[in-house]
N, C-alpha and C. Protein backbone atom coordinates (compact mmCIF):
# COMPACT_ATOMS: atom_id res chain seq x y z
N GLN A 1 0.82 -1.15 0.19
CA GLN A 1 -0.29 -0.22 -0.07
C GLN A 1 0.80 0.74 0.10
N VAL A 2 0.36 2.28 -0.25
CA VAL A 2 1.29 3.47 -0.86
C VAL A 2 0.82 4.43 -0.01
N GLN A 3 1.22 4.87 1.08
CA GLN A 3 0.94 6.03 1.67
C GLN A 3 1.33 7.58 1.66
N LEU A 4 0.63 8.53 1.57
CA LEU A 4 0.61 9.77 0.83
C LEU A 4 0.25 10.77 1.93
N VAL A 5 1.58 11.82 2.00
CA VAL A 5 1.48 13.26 3.19
C VAL A 5 1.00 13.71 2.60
N GLU A 6 0.58 14.91 2.83
CA GLU A 6 0.37 16.11 2.27
C GLU A 6 1.06 17.14 3.21
N SER A 7 1.56 18.40 3.10
CA SER A 7 2.34 19.20 3.58
C SER A 7 2.25 20.54 3.04
N GLY A 8 2.34 22.07 4.06
CA GLY A 8 2.45 23.20 3.25
C GLY A 8 1.34 24.18 3.28
N GLY A 9 0.09 23.74 3.22
CA GLY A 9 -1.54 24.65 3.51
C GLY A 9 -0.79 25.67 4.68
N GLY A 10 -1.92 26.58 4.99
CA GLY A 10 -2.07 26.85 5.64
C GLY A 10 -3.19 28.32 5.23
N LEU A 11 -2.83 29.33 6.24
CA LEU A 11 -3.56 30.85 5.59
C LEU A 11 -3.11 31.65 5.32
N VAL A 12 -3.89 32.28 4.15
CA VAL A 12 -2.74 33.55 3.19
C VAL A 12 -3.47 34.17 2.72
N GLN A 13 -3.24 35.74 2.43
CA GLN A 13 -3.56 36.33 1.56
C GLN A 13 -3.79 36.27 0.52
N ALA A 14 -4.78 36.96 -0.14
CA ALA A 14 -5.41 36.74 -2.00
C ALA A 14 -3.57 37.38 -2.37
N GLY A 15 -2.96 36.82 -3.92
CA GLY A 15 -2.16 37.21 -4.20
C GLY A 15 -0.61 36.57 -3.59
N ASP A 16 -0.87 35.86 -2.55
CA ASP A 16 0.23 35.19 -1.69
C ASP A 16 0.17 33.68 -2.40
N SER A 17 1.42 33.01 -2.05
CA SER A 17 1.76 32.08 -2.49
C SER A 17 2.12 30.83 -1.18
N LEU A 18 1.98 29.66 -1.82
CA LEU A 18 2.50 28.66 -1.24
C LEU A 18 2.80 27.27 -2.08
N ARG A 19 3.73 27.11 -1.06
CA ARG A 19 4.14 25.60 -1.99
C ARG A 19 3.61 24.74 -0.92
N LEU A 20 2.85 23.55 -1.95
CA LEU A 20 2.58 22.17 -0.90
C LEU A 20 3.67 21.45 -1.54
N SER A 21 3.82 20.29 -0.50
CA SER A 21 4.03 18.89 -0.90
C SER A 21 2.98 17.66 -0.46
N CYS A 22 3.60 16.60 -1.08
CA CYS A 22 3.41 15.36 -0.83
C CYS A 22 4.19 14.31 -1.26
N ALA A 23 4.91 13.80 0.29
CA ALA A 23 5.70 12.59 0.10
C ALA A 23 4.75 11.19 0.33
N ALA A 24 5.66 10.59 -0.36
CA ALA A 24 5.35 9.38 -0.64
C ALA A 24 5.85 8.02 -0.15
N SER A 25 5.47 7.38 0.32
CA SER A 25 6.22 5.98 1.07
C SER A 25 5.26 4.77 0.69
N GLY A 26 5.81 3.51 0.63
CA GLY A 26 5.19 2.42 0.94
C GLY A 26 5.70 1.82 -0.76
N ARG A 27 4.75 0.66 -0.89
CA ARG A 27 4.92 0.32 -2.00
C ARG A 27 4.50 0.84 -3.24
N THR A 28 5.68 1.94 -3.29
CA THR A 28 5.43 2.84 -4.62
C THR A 28 5.99 1.92 -5.90
N PHE A 29 5.65 2.06 -7.06
CA PHE A 29 6.38 1.64 -8.10
C PHE A 29 6.58 2.50 -9.06
N SER A 30 7.19 1.99 -9.97
CA SER A 30 7.37 2.49 -11.57
C SER A 30 6.43 2.96 -12.43
N GLY A 31 6.54 4.22 -12.93
CA GLY A 31 4.96 4.34 -13.94
C GLY A 31 3.73 4.93 -13.55
N TYR A 32 3.92 5.51 -12.65
CA TYR A 32 2.49 5.88 -12.65
C TYR A 32 3.01 7.26 -12.20
N ALA A 33 1.12 7.92 -12.40
CA ALA A 33 1.51 9.30 -12.45
C ALA A 33 1.22 9.82 -11.20
N MET A 34 1.30 11.27 -10.75
CA MET A 34 0.35 11.71 -9.76
C MET A 34 -0.24 13.15 -9.96
N GLY A 35 -1.00 13.31 -8.88
CA GLY A 35 -1.92 14.35 -9.27
C GLY A 35 -2.42 15.40 -8.00
N TRP A 36 -3.26 16.33 -8.40
CA TRP A 36 -3.52 17.56 -7.17
C TRP A 36 -4.52 17.45 -7.49
N PHE A 37 -5.96 17.14 -6.17
CA PHE A 37 -7.28 17.12 -6.39
C PHE A 37 -7.60 18.72 -5.18
N ARG A 38 -9.20 19.10 -5.40
CA ARG A 38 -9.13 19.95 -3.91
C ARG A 38 -10.50 19.82 -4.13
N GLN A 39 -10.65 19.97 -3.00
CA GLN A 39 -12.15 20.17 -2.47
C GLN A 39 -12.82 21.20 -1.27
N ALA A 40 -13.46 21.76 -2.04
CA ALA A 40 -14.08 22.88 -0.95
C ALA A 40 -15.21 22.54 0.18
N PRO A 41 -15.94 23.06 0.78
CA PRO A 41 -16.90 22.86 1.78
C PRO A 41 -18.64 22.92 0.65
N GLY A 42 -19.46 21.69 0.83
CA GLY A 42 -19.98 21.53 -0.41
C GLY A 42 -20.22 21.94 -1.73
N LYS A 43 -18.56 21.38 -2.17
CA LYS A 43 -18.56 20.96 -3.50
C LYS A 43 -17.29 19.82 -3.67
N GLU A 44 -17.26 19.23 -5.16
CA GLU A 44 -17.18 17.99 -5.36
C GLU A 44 -15.63 18.27 -5.54
N ARG A 45 -15.03 17.23 -5.51
CA ARG A 45 -13.31 17.55 -5.30
C ARG A 45 -13.26 17.38 -7.02
N GLU A 46 -12.55 18.14 -6.90
CA GLU A 46 -11.76 18.58 -8.36
C GLU A 46 -10.57 18.29 -8.80
N PHE A 47 -10.46 18.19 -9.71
CA PHE A 47 -8.57 17.96 -10.34
C PHE A 47 -7.94 19.65 -10.45
N VAL A 48 -7.25 19.17 -10.09
CA VAL A 48 -5.80 20.49 -9.98
C VAL A 48 -4.88 20.57 -11.29
N ALA A 49 -4.41 19.70 -10.91
CA ALA A 49 -2.76 19.40 -11.79
C ALA A 49 -2.58 18.28 -11.50
N GLY A 50 -1.78 17.44 -12.58
CA GLY A 50 -1.36 16.28 -13.23
C GLY A 50 0.25 16.11 -13.65
N ILE A 51 1.00 15.35 -12.90
CA ILE A 51 2.19 15.14 -13.86
C ILE A 51 2.68 13.84 -14.17
N THR A 52 2.94 13.09 -15.45
CA THR A 52 3.35 12.10 -15.61
C THR A 52 4.39 11.61 -14.89
N TRP A 53 4.82 10.48 -15.05
CA TRP A 53 5.47 9.50 -14.10
C TRP A 53 7.04 10.14 -14.54
N SER A 54 7.37 10.40 -15.96
CA SER A 54 8.98 11.09 -16.64
C SER A 54 8.65 12.46 -16.09
N GLY A 55 7.65 13.19 -15.93
CA GLY A 55 7.39 14.39 -15.47
C GLY A 55 7.54 15.17 -16.98
N GLY A 56 7.55 14.24 -18.39
CA GLY A 56 7.43 15.42 -18.84
C GLY A 56 6.41 16.04 -19.50
N SER A 57 5.30 15.73 -19.24
CA SER A 57 4.04 16.00 -19.25
C SER A 57 3.32 16.68 -18.00
N THR A 58 2.44 17.92 -17.85
CA THR A 58 1.79 17.95 -16.76
C THR A 58 0.77 19.02 -17.21
N TYR A 59 -0.50 18.62 -16.56
CA TYR A 59 -2.08 18.92 -17.41
C TYR A 59 -2.37 19.81 -15.79
N TYR A 60 -3.15 20.64 -16.23
CA TYR A 60 -3.99 21.92 -15.26
C TYR A 60 -5.26 21.95 -15.81
N ALA A 61 -5.79 22.25 -14.63
CA ALA A 61 -7.44 22.65 -14.94
C ALA A 61 -7.47 24.71 -14.68
N ASP A 62 -8.30 24.92 -15.73
CA ASP A 62 -8.33 25.86 -16.52
C ASP A 62 -8.09 27.18 -15.73
N SER A 63 -9.01 26.81 -13.78
CA SER A 63 -8.95 27.23 -13.00
C SER A 63 -7.64 27.68 -12.60
N VAL A 64 -6.60 26.85 -12.60
CA VAL A 64 -4.91 27.19 -12.14
C VAL A 64 -3.96 27.30 -12.90
N LYS A 65 -4.17 27.50 -14.20
CA LYS A 65 -3.40 27.86 -15.49
C LYS A 65 -2.56 29.23 -15.34
N GLY A 66 -1.44 28.89 -15.41
CA GLY A 66 -0.69 30.35 -15.42
C GLY A 66 -0.57 30.91 -13.61
N ARG A 67 -1.14 30.08 -12.91
CA ARG A 67 -0.51 29.97 -11.16
C ARG A 67 -0.15 29.14 -10.78
N PHE A 68 -0.53 27.83 -10.97
CA PHE A 68 0.02 26.89 -10.09
C PHE A 68 0.98 25.84 -10.98
N THR A 69 2.15 25.59 -10.35
CA THR A 69 2.89 24.34 -11.26
C THR A 69 3.26 23.01 -10.22
N ILE A 70 2.70 22.02 -10.93
CA ILE A 70 2.88 20.99 -10.76
C ILE A 70 4.88 20.33 -10.98
N SER A 71 5.19 19.70 -9.59
CA SER A 71 6.77 18.87 -10.42
C SER A 71 6.61 17.81 -9.34
N ARG A 72 7.96 17.04 -9.55
CA ARG A 72 8.19 15.59 -8.71
C ARG A 72 9.44 15.93 -8.88
N ASP A 73 9.77 15.24 -7.86
CA ASP A 73 11.40 14.87 -7.74
C ASP A 73 11.38 13.54 -7.08
N LYS A 74 11.35 12.80 -8.01
CA LYS A 74 11.15 10.80 -8.53
C LYS A 74 11.99 10.39 -7.51
N ALA A 75 13.31 10.87 -6.95
CA ALA A 75 14.32 10.19 -5.88
C ALA A 75 14.16 10.53 -4.73
N LYS A 76 13.14 11.33 -4.78
CA LYS A 76 12.39 11.33 -3.22
C LYS A 76 11.40 10.99 -3.49
N ASN A 77 10.65 10.86 -4.12
CA ASN A 77 9.20 10.27 -4.12
C ASN A 77 8.20 11.25 -3.29
N THR A 78 8.47 12.62 -4.02
CA THR A 78 7.90 14.36 -3.69
C THR A 78 7.37 14.18 -4.66
N LEU A 79 6.13 15.07 -4.22
CA LEU A 79 5.59 15.90 -4.94
C LEU A 79 4.99 16.74 -5.39
N TYR A 80 4.97 18.30 -5.34
CA TYR A 80 4.83 19.29 -4.97
C TYR A 80 4.18 20.13 -5.79
N LEU A 81 3.37 21.10 -5.44
CA LEU A 81 2.59 22.05 -6.12
C LEU A 81 2.63 23.26 -5.46
N ARG A 82 3.01 24.22 -6.37
CA ARG A 82 3.58 25.62 -6.41
C ARG A 82 2.17 26.45 -7.08
N MET A 83 2.34 27.25 -5.97
CA MET A 83 0.63 27.92 -6.23
C MET A 83 1.12 29.55 -5.90
N ASN A 84 1.15 30.14 -6.71
CA ASN A 84 0.88 31.95 -7.27
C ASN A 84 -0.35 31.88 -7.40
N SER A 85 -0.14 33.47 -7.30
CA SER A 85 -1.43 35.06 -7.18
C SER A 85 -2.68 33.82 -6.79
N LEU A 86 -2.71 33.53 -5.58
CA LEU A 86 -3.93 32.26 -4.95
C LEU A 86 -5.42 34.05 -4.46
N LYS A 87 -6.42 33.23 -5.11
CA LYS A 87 -7.17 33.38 -4.94
C LYS A 87 -8.51 33.01 -4.05
N PRO A 88 -9.46 33.86 -3.24
CA PRO A 88 -10.43 33.16 -2.33
C PRO A 88 -10.47 31.75 -2.96
N GLU A 89 -11.29 31.81 -4.20
CA GLU A 89 -11.55 30.46 -4.39
C GLU A 89 -10.92 29.54 -4.88
N ASP A 90 -9.14 29.06 -4.53
CA ASP A 90 -8.43 28.61 -4.25
C ASP A 90 -8.24 27.86 -2.77
N THR A 91 -9.24 28.29 -1.87
CA THR A 91 -9.81 27.63 -0.48
C THR A 91 -10.20 26.51 -0.13
N ALA A 92 -9.47 25.37 -0.01
CA ALA A 92 -9.99 24.47 -0.11
C ALA A 92 -9.21 23.45 0.53
N VAL A 93 -9.41 21.93 0.63
CA VAL A 93 -8.61 21.10 1.56
C VAL A 93 -7.77 20.57 -0.31
N TYR A 94 -6.63 20.49 -0.16
CA TYR A 94 -5.83 19.91 -1.24
C TYR A 94 -5.13 18.21 -1.00
N TYR A 95 -5.64 17.60 -1.84
CA TYR A 95 -5.18 16.29 -1.76
C TYR A 95 -4.20 15.74 -2.96
N CYS A 96 -3.14 14.91 -2.48
CA CYS A 96 -2.11 14.30 -3.62
C CYS A 96 -2.76 12.78 -3.97
N ALA A 97 -2.21 12.17 -5.10
CA ALA A 97 -3.29 11.19 -5.09
C ALA A 97 -1.75 10.57 -6.10
N THR A 98 -2.08 9.35 -6.54
CA THR A 98 -1.44 8.67 -7.68
C THR A 98 -2.54 7.85 -8.80
N ASP A 99 -1.82 7.86 -9.54
CA ASP A 99 -2.69 7.30 -10.92
C ASP A 99 -1.31 6.24 -11.68
N PRO A 100 -1.83 4.90 -11.63
CA PRO A 100 -1.36 3.61 -11.77
C PRO A 100 -1.36 3.38 -13.25
N ARG A 101 -1.75 4.28 -13.92
CA ARG A 101 -1.81 4.34 -15.72
C ARG A 101 -1.25 5.50 -16.43
N GLY A 102 -0.49 6.41 -15.30
CA GLY A 102 0.97 7.05 -15.41
C GLY A 102 0.53 8.23 -16.51
N TRP A 103 -1.02 8.64 -16.59
CA TRP A 103 -1.46 9.76 -17.21
C TRP A 103 -1.20 10.93 -16.45
N GLY A 104 -1.67 10.87 -15.77
CA GLY A 104 -2.02 11.84 -14.60
C GLY A 104 -2.89 13.23 -14.99
N ARG A 105 -3.98 12.66 -15.79
CA ARG A 105 -5.00 13.51 -15.76
C ARG A 105 -5.73 14.12 -15.21
N ALA A 106 -7.23 14.59 -15.32
CA ALA A 106 -8.44 14.53 -14.77
C ALA A 106 -8.70 14.16 -13.74
N ASP A 107 -9.50 12.39 -14.19
CA ASP A 107 -10.60 12.10 -14.18
C ASP A 107 -9.95 11.11 -12.55
N ALA A 108 -10.69 11.73 -11.38
CA ALA A 108 -10.12 11.49 -10.41
C ALA A 108 -10.33 9.52 -9.86
N GLY A 109 -11.56 9.07 -10.77
CA GLY A 109 -11.75 7.39 -10.85
C GLY A 109 -10.59 6.91 -11.19
N SER A 110 -9.38 7.60 -11.85
CA SER A 110 -8.14 6.71 -12.24
C SER A 110 -7.37 6.64 -11.02
N TYR A 111 -7.01 7.64 -10.06
CA TYR A 111 -6.37 7.03 -9.55
C TYR A 111 -6.44 6.93 -8.01
N ASP A 112 -5.72 5.66 -7.71
CA ASP A 112 -5.45 4.82 -6.63
C ASP A 112 -5.68 5.09 -4.91
N TYR A 113 -4.25 6.15 -4.26
CA TYR A 113 -4.31 6.05 -3.35
C TYR A 113 -4.02 7.74 -3.24
N TRP A 114 -4.65 7.68 -1.91
CA TRP A 114 -4.83 9.49 -2.03
C TRP A 114 -4.45 9.90 -0.47
N GLY A 115 -3.99 10.97 -0.47
CA GLY A 115 -3.38 11.38 1.14
C GLY A 115 -4.80 11.83 1.97
N GLN A 116 -4.16 12.46 3.09
CA GLN A 116 -5.37 12.79 3.84
C GLN A 116 -5.38 14.66 3.80
N GLY A 117 -5.01 15.46 3.11
CA GLY A 117 -4.82 16.44 2.66
C GLY A 117 -4.52 17.47 3.70
N THR A 118 -4.29 18.69 2.99
CA THR A 118 -3.59 20.05 3.53
C THR A 118 -4.95 21.04 3.43
N GLN A 119 -4.66 21.83 4.31
CA GLN A 119 -5.89 22.69 4.15
C GLN A 119 -5.28 24.29 3.68
N VAL A 120 -5.61 24.67 2.49
CA VAL A 120 -5.44 25.84 1.74
C VAL A 120 -6.46 27.31 2.18
N THR A 121 -6.33 28.06 3.10
CA THR A 121 -7.40 29.28 3.34
C THR A 121 -6.62 30.45 2.78
N VAL A 122 -6.97 31.48 1.40
CA VAL A 122 -6.84 32.30 1.14
C VAL A 122 -7.95 33.34 1.89
N SER A 123 -7.76 34.13 1.97
CA SER A 123 -8.30 35.65 2.08
C SER A 123 -8.29 36.54 1.59
N GLY A 124 -9.36 37.32 1.26
CA GLY A 124 -9.28 38.48 0.64
C GLY A 124 -9.02 39.40 1.09
């Protein structure tokens, strides 16, 4: 089983930046992609960003394009999400997840392991 632990969330003001981290441990395997999702109260969990196993391709929700950057350090089994120009609508619990297909696309059903989440709150 894979364990994922997110960190880096917090309370910030609009326009600020944060970097989220996701540390993976356990039975990791080569070839899987990783992604970030978020869920606000009363909302469905939504895709934020994904990255292929190689890191050669990244994908972003339209709402975060140009502001967020996903990256990974395979040697450290760590996923990152750099968030710039944060907006109040970015407020949510952010989750990282693994995608055994290796695609890192938006379909939450394709991800098998999920972290517990880290809270990001952006005040206006």
